[in-house]
Amino acid sequence: MIQIAIFSDVHGNLPALEVVLKDMDQRGIHQKFCLGDLVDFAPWGNEVIQKIRDLNIPCLMGNHDERIAFNMPVFRLDKHSEEETKARFIAIDHSKKHITDENKKFLSGLPFHLKLNYKIGDKHWNIQLVHSTLESNDTYLYESENDEIFINMLGKSGADLIVMGHTHLSFKKQFENNKWAINCGSVGRSKEENRLASYLVLAMDEEKIIPEIVQLRYPFEKTAREIEESAIPDYYASFLRKDNLLIL
């Protein structure tokens, strides 16, 4: 059986990324893929990018990566409160100022999506990786969407399984003929109640795909304190602390 790991939305949170990578290594998973959004909201944007580069992990261009790479403008999102809107503008501006030119160049060259093919015996498994959708890295698709949306994406891609991130909320949806749509959640800024770092393990043999969403605790309080000691708004420290039993 082949195992691969897929993760997304690190958002500058190096302590969370290190915990996730360690867990992958302990499981003996050598093939790792990232769906993007390496930057913004925690103070280790450059370190996260360097880690991905050093480990040669294939990575897609998330919407935050694209914004930082090309100095794109920031627009208000209707779903955000006034507090989050203000914090978001400051945090993204911080990344624009502090991400190095070399790392911006790296982000600018990331692919938009990636399709994998694994041959196991006589079976070819086609796996489509996107940050959000095939056409956009900034569209929010949730588990509650009509199944036809995901089925159409699978059909357009010609894939058995499509994996996405972006929403920071993990889910698994299985359809007929062993087709899947999966959100691997977020490593560094989960919006799930537990705030745990989330990633996906895919196990494949000739007959089936077995997806597992893995969720891990990391040093939330240490991360929150580092955010507070940086120029990134304290809003993002408070966000991490929500409903957590803090780990020092």
Protein backbone atom coordinates (compact mmCIF):
# COMPACT_ATOMS: atom_id res chain seq x y z
CA MET A 1 0.00 0.00 0.00
CA ILE A 2 1.26 3.49 -0.92
CA GLN A 3 0.90 6.39 1.52
CA ILE A 4 1.19 10.10 0.74
CA ALA A 5 0.53 13.19 2.87
CA ILE A 6 -1.21 16.39 1.78
CA PHE A 7 -1.42 19.57 3.84
CA SER A 8 -2.42 23.19 3.36
CA ASP A 9 -2.74 26.66 4.88
CA VAL A 10 0.30 26.87 7.15
CA HIS A 11 -0.01 30.68 7.35
CA GLY A 12 3.39 31.32 8.86
CA ASN A 13 2.84 28.95 11.78
CA LEU A 14 6.19 27.14 11.95
CA PRO A 15 5.55 25.31 15.28
CA ALA A 16 2.40 23.72 13.82
CA LEU A 17 4.20 22.78 10.59
CA GLU A 18 7.05 21.14 12.50
CA VAL A 19 4.62 18.99 14.51
CA VAL A 20 2.84 17.91 11.32
CA LEU A 21 6.07 17.10 9.46
CA LYS A 22 7.35 15.10 12.44
CA ASP A 23 4.13 13.07 12.50
CA MET A 24 4.49 12.32 8.79
CA ASP A 25 8.06 11.15 9.32
CA GLN A 26 7.04 8.94 12.24
CA ARG A 27 4.45 7.32 9.98
CA GLY A 28 7.15 6.70 7.37
CA ILE A 29 5.49 8.97 4.81
CA HIS A 30 8.11 10.32 2.42
CA GLN A 31 5.90 11.86 -0.29
CA LYS A 32 4.42 15.13 0.91
CA PHE A 33 2.45 17.79 -0.96
CA CYS A 34 1.33 21.27 0.11
CA LEU A 35 -1.74 23.07 -1.27
CA GLY A 36 -0.44 26.57 -0.52
CA ASP A 37 -0.95 29.59 1.73
CA LEU A 38 2.43 29.49 3.42
CA VAL A 39 2.28 33.09 4.63
CA ASP A 40 0.32 35.61 6.77
CA PHE A 41 -1.04 35.62 10.35
CA ALA A 42 1.97 34.18 12.24
CA PRO A 43 5.55 35.51 12.38
CA TRP A 44 7.44 32.70 10.63
CA GLY A 45 6.51 33.30 6.99
CA ASN A 46 10.10 33.22 5.74
CA GLU A 47 10.97 30.20 7.90
CA VAL A 48 7.94 28.27 6.63
CA ILE A 49 8.85 29.00 3.02
CA GLN A 50 12.45 27.99 3.66
CA LYS A 51 11.32 24.72 5.27
CA ILE A 52 9.21 23.87 2.22
CA ARG A 53 12.14 24.74 -0.05
CA ASP A 54 14.70 22.80 2.00
CA LEU A 55 12.53 19.69 2.04
CA ASN A 56 11.68 20.10 -1.67
CA ILE A 57 7.96 19.66 -0.97
CA PRO A 58 5.82 20.31 -4.08
CA CYS A 59 3.57 23.27 -3.23
CA LEU A 60 0.71 25.09 -4.93
CA MET A 61 0.15 28.85 -5.01
CA GLY A 62 -2.53 29.77 -2.49
CA ASN A 63 -4.35 33.09 -2.64
CA HIS A 64 -2.18 34.53 0.15
CA ASP A 65 1.00 33.38 -1.57
CA GLU A 66 -0.14 35.04 -4.80
CA ARG A 67 -1.00 38.29 -3.00
CA ILE A 68 2.42 38.50 -1.35
CA ALA A 69 4.36 37.38 -4.42
CA PHE A 70 2.81 39.99 -6.71
CA ASN A 71 1.97 42.71 -4.15
CA MET A 72 -1.72 42.46 -4.97
CA PRO A 73 -4.19 44.77 -3.18
CA VAL A 74 -6.18 43.60 -0.17
CA PHE A 75 -9.95 43.90 -0.24
CA ARG A 76 -12.43 43.69 2.61
CA LEU A 77 -14.36 40.43 2.90
CA ASP A 78 -18.02 40.72 3.86
CA LYS A 79 -17.82 37.69 6.15
CA HIS A 80 -15.23 39.37 8.39
CA SER A 81 -15.98 41.54 11.41
CA GLU A 82 -14.51 45.02 11.75
CA GLU A 83 -11.93 43.64 14.19
CA GLU A 84 -10.82 40.86 11.83
CA THR A 85 -10.82 43.19 8.83
CA LYS A 86 -8.47 45.61 10.55
CA ALA A 87 -6.21 42.79 11.79
CA ARG A 88 -6.13 41.14 8.36
CA PHE A 89 -4.97 44.31 6.60
CA ILE A 90 -2.17 44.81 9.14
CA ALA A 91 -1.05 41.16 9.03
CA ILE A 92 -0.90 41.00 5.24
CA ASP A 93 0.97 44.31 5.11
CA HIS A 94 3.44 42.82 7.59
CA SER A 95 4.08 39.91 5.22
CA LYS A 96 4.51 42.23 2.25
CA LYS A 97 7.22 44.07 4.17
CA HIS A 98 9.00 41.10 5.76
CA ILE A 99 8.89 38.24 3.25
CA THR A 100 12.25 38.38 1.46
CA ASP A 101 12.53 39.10 -2.24
CA GLU A 102 13.99 35.64 -2.77
CA ASN A 103 11.01 34.01 -1.07
CA LYS A 104 8.56 36.20 -2.98
CA LYS A 105 10.21 35.00 -6.17
CA PHE A 106 9.77 31.41 -4.99
CA LEU A 107 6.07 32.01 -4.29
CA SER A 108 5.58 33.62 -7.70
CA GLY A 109 6.76 30.46 -9.43
CA LEU A 110 4.49 27.98 -7.67
CA PRO A 111 2.01 26.00 -9.81
CA PHE A 112 -1.70 26.76 -9.63
CA HIS A 113 -2.78 23.13 -9.37
CA LEU A 114 -1.20 19.71 -9.73
CA LYS A 115 -2.41 16.32 -10.88
CA LEU A 116 -0.84 13.09 -9.63
CA ASN A 117 -1.06 9.60 -11.12
CA TYR A 118 -0.15 6.52 -9.10
CA LYS A 119 -0.02 3.09 -10.75
CA ILE A 120 -0.59 0.20 -8.35
CA GLY A 121 -0.80 -3.12 -10.12
CA ASP A 122 -3.16 -2.56 -13.03
CA LYS A 123 -4.88 0.42 -11.41
CA HIS A 124 -4.09 4.07 -12.13
CA TRP A 125 -5.27 6.47 -9.40
CA ASN A 126 -5.64 10.09 -10.54
CA ILE A 127 -5.42 12.64 -7.72
CA GLN A 128 -6.16 16.32 -8.35
CA LEU A 129 -4.61 18.86 -5.98
CA VAL A 130 -6.00 22.41 -5.83
CA HIS A 131 -5.88 25.20 -3.29
CA SER A 132 -9.57 25.93 -3.76
CA THR A 133 -10.95 24.94 -7.19
CA LEU A 134 -9.58 24.21 -10.65
CA GLU A 135 -10.25 27.79 -11.76
CA SER A 136 -9.71 29.80 -8.57
CA ASN A 137 -7.54 29.81 -5.46
CA ASP A 138 -10.01 32.04 -3.63
CA THR A 139 -13.39 30.27 -3.81
CA TYR A 140 -14.87 28.86 -0.61
CA LEU A 141 -16.30 25.36 -0.96
CA TYR A 142 -17.65 23.75 2.20
CA GLU A 143 -18.86 20.26 3.05
CA SER A 144 -22.44 21.54 2.82
CA GLU A 145 -22.13 22.31 -0.91
CA ASN A 146 -24.29 20.33 -3.32
CA ASP A 147 -22.55 17.08 -4.26
CA GLU A 148 -22.85 17.98 -7.94
CA ILE A 149 -20.28 20.76 -7.48
CA PHE A 150 -17.63 18.26 -6.43
CA ILE A 151 -18.73 15.60 -8.90
CA ASN A 152 -18.42 18.13 -11.73
CA MET A 153 -14.93 19.09 -10.54
CA LEU A 154 -13.91 15.43 -10.53
CA GLY A 155 -15.34 14.98 -14.02
CA LYS A 156 -13.62 18.05 -15.41
CA SER A 157 -10.30 16.93 -13.95
CA GLY A 158 -10.72 13.26 -14.83
CA ALA A 159 -9.69 12.49 -11.27
CA ASP A 160 -10.66 9.80 -8.80
CA LEU A 161 -10.06 12.14 -5.91
CA ILE A 162 -9.73 15.91 -5.52
CA VAL A 163 -8.04 17.46 -2.50
CA MET A 164 -8.45 21.12 -1.54
CA GLY A 165 -7.72 23.50 1.33
CA HIS A 166 -8.48 27.23 1.66
CA THR A 167 -11.50 27.08 4.01
CA HIS A 168 -9.48 25.76 7.00
CA LEU A 169 -12.26 23.23 7.63
CA SER A 170 -11.58 19.57 6.86
CA PHE A 171 -14.08 17.12 5.39
CA LYS A 172 -14.33 13.89 3.41
CA LYS A 173 -17.09 13.20 0.89
CA GLN A 174 -17.31 9.88 -0.96
CA PHE A 175 -19.34 9.40 -4.15
CA GLU A 176 -20.10 6.47 -6.43
CA ASN A 177 -17.27 4.48 -8.03
CA ASN A 178 -14.86 5.26 -5.18
CA LYS A 179 -14.65 8.96 -6.05
CA TRP A 180 -13.74 11.44 -3.32
CA ALA A 181 -13.70 15.16 -2.57
CA ILE A 182 -11.59 16.00 0.47
CA ASN A 183 -10.56 19.15 2.28
CA CYS A 184 -7.36 18.52 4.25
CA GLY A 185 -8.00 21.41 6.65
CA SER A 186 -5.35 23.84 7.86
CA VAL A 187 -1.98 23.25 9.50
CA GLY A 188 -1.50 26.69 10.99
CA ARG A 189 -4.87 28.41 11.32
CA SER A 190 -7.61 25.83 11.72
CA LYS A 191 -11.13 27.20 11.96
CA GLU A 192 -12.40 23.99 13.52
CA GLU A 193 -13.44 24.19 17.16
CA ASN A 194 -10.39 22.29 18.37
CA ARG A 195 -7.92 24.50 16.43
CA LEU A 196 -5.70 21.43 15.93
CA ALA A 197 -3.21 21.25 13.06
CA SER A 198 -4.84 19.18 10.32
CA TYR A 199 -3.50 17.23 7.36
CA LEU A 200 -4.48 14.31 5.11
CA VAL A 201 -2.96 10.85 4.77
CA LEU A 202 -3.95 8.96 1.62
CA ALA A 203 -3.38 5.22 1.57
CA MET A 204 -3.84 3.51 -1.79
CA ASP A 205 -3.76 -0.05 -3.03
CA GLU A 206 -5.00 -1.61 -6.25
CA GLU A 207 -8.59 -1.74 -5.02
CA LYS A 208 -9.25 1.37 -2.98
CA ILE A 209 -8.21 4.71 -1.55
CA ILE A 210 -8.37 5.17 2.22
CA PRO A 211 -8.26 8.83 3.34
CA GLU A 212 -7.51 9.79 6.95
CA ILE A 213 -7.72 13.32 8.35
CA VAL A 214 -5.04 13.62 11.01
CA GLN A 215 -5.38 16.34 13.67
CA LEU A 216 -2.53 17.20 16.01
CA ARG A 217 -1.97 19.39 19.03
CA TYR A 218 0.99 21.76 18.94
CA PRO A 219 2.29 24.46 21.37
CA PHE A 220 -0.61 26.91 20.97
CA GLU A 221 0.44 29.17 23.81
CA LYS A 222 4.04 29.46 22.66
CA THR A 223 2.78 30.34 19.19
CA ALA A 224 0.28 32.86 20.57
CA ARG A 225 2.98 34.57 22.65
CA GLU A 226 5.28 34.83 19.65
CA ILE A 227 2.47 36.47 17.68
CA GLU A 228 1.90 38.96 20.50
CA GLU A 229 5.61 39.79 20.59
CA SER A 230 5.61 40.49 16.85
CA ALA A 231 3.97 43.29 14.87
CA ILE A 232 1.17 40.93 13.84
CA PRO A 233 -2.14 41.87 15.54
CA ASP A 234 -2.99 40.10 18.81
CA TYR A 235 -6.27 39.07 17.16
CA TYR A 236 -4.46 36.04 15.70
CA ALA A 237 -3.10 34.99 19.09
CA SER A 238 -6.59 35.12 20.58
CA PHE A 239 -7.89 33.12 17.65
CA LEU A 240 -5.45 30.28 18.35
CA ARG A 241 -6.27 30.24 22.05
CA LYS A 242 -9.99 29.73 21.50
CA ASP A 243 -11.22 26.57 23.25
CA ASN A 244 -7.69 25.21 23.70
CA LEU A 245 -6.09 23.69 26.74
CA LEU A 246 -2.90 25.67 26.31
CA ILE A 247 0.37 23.86 25.95
CA LEU A 248 3.50 25.69 27.14
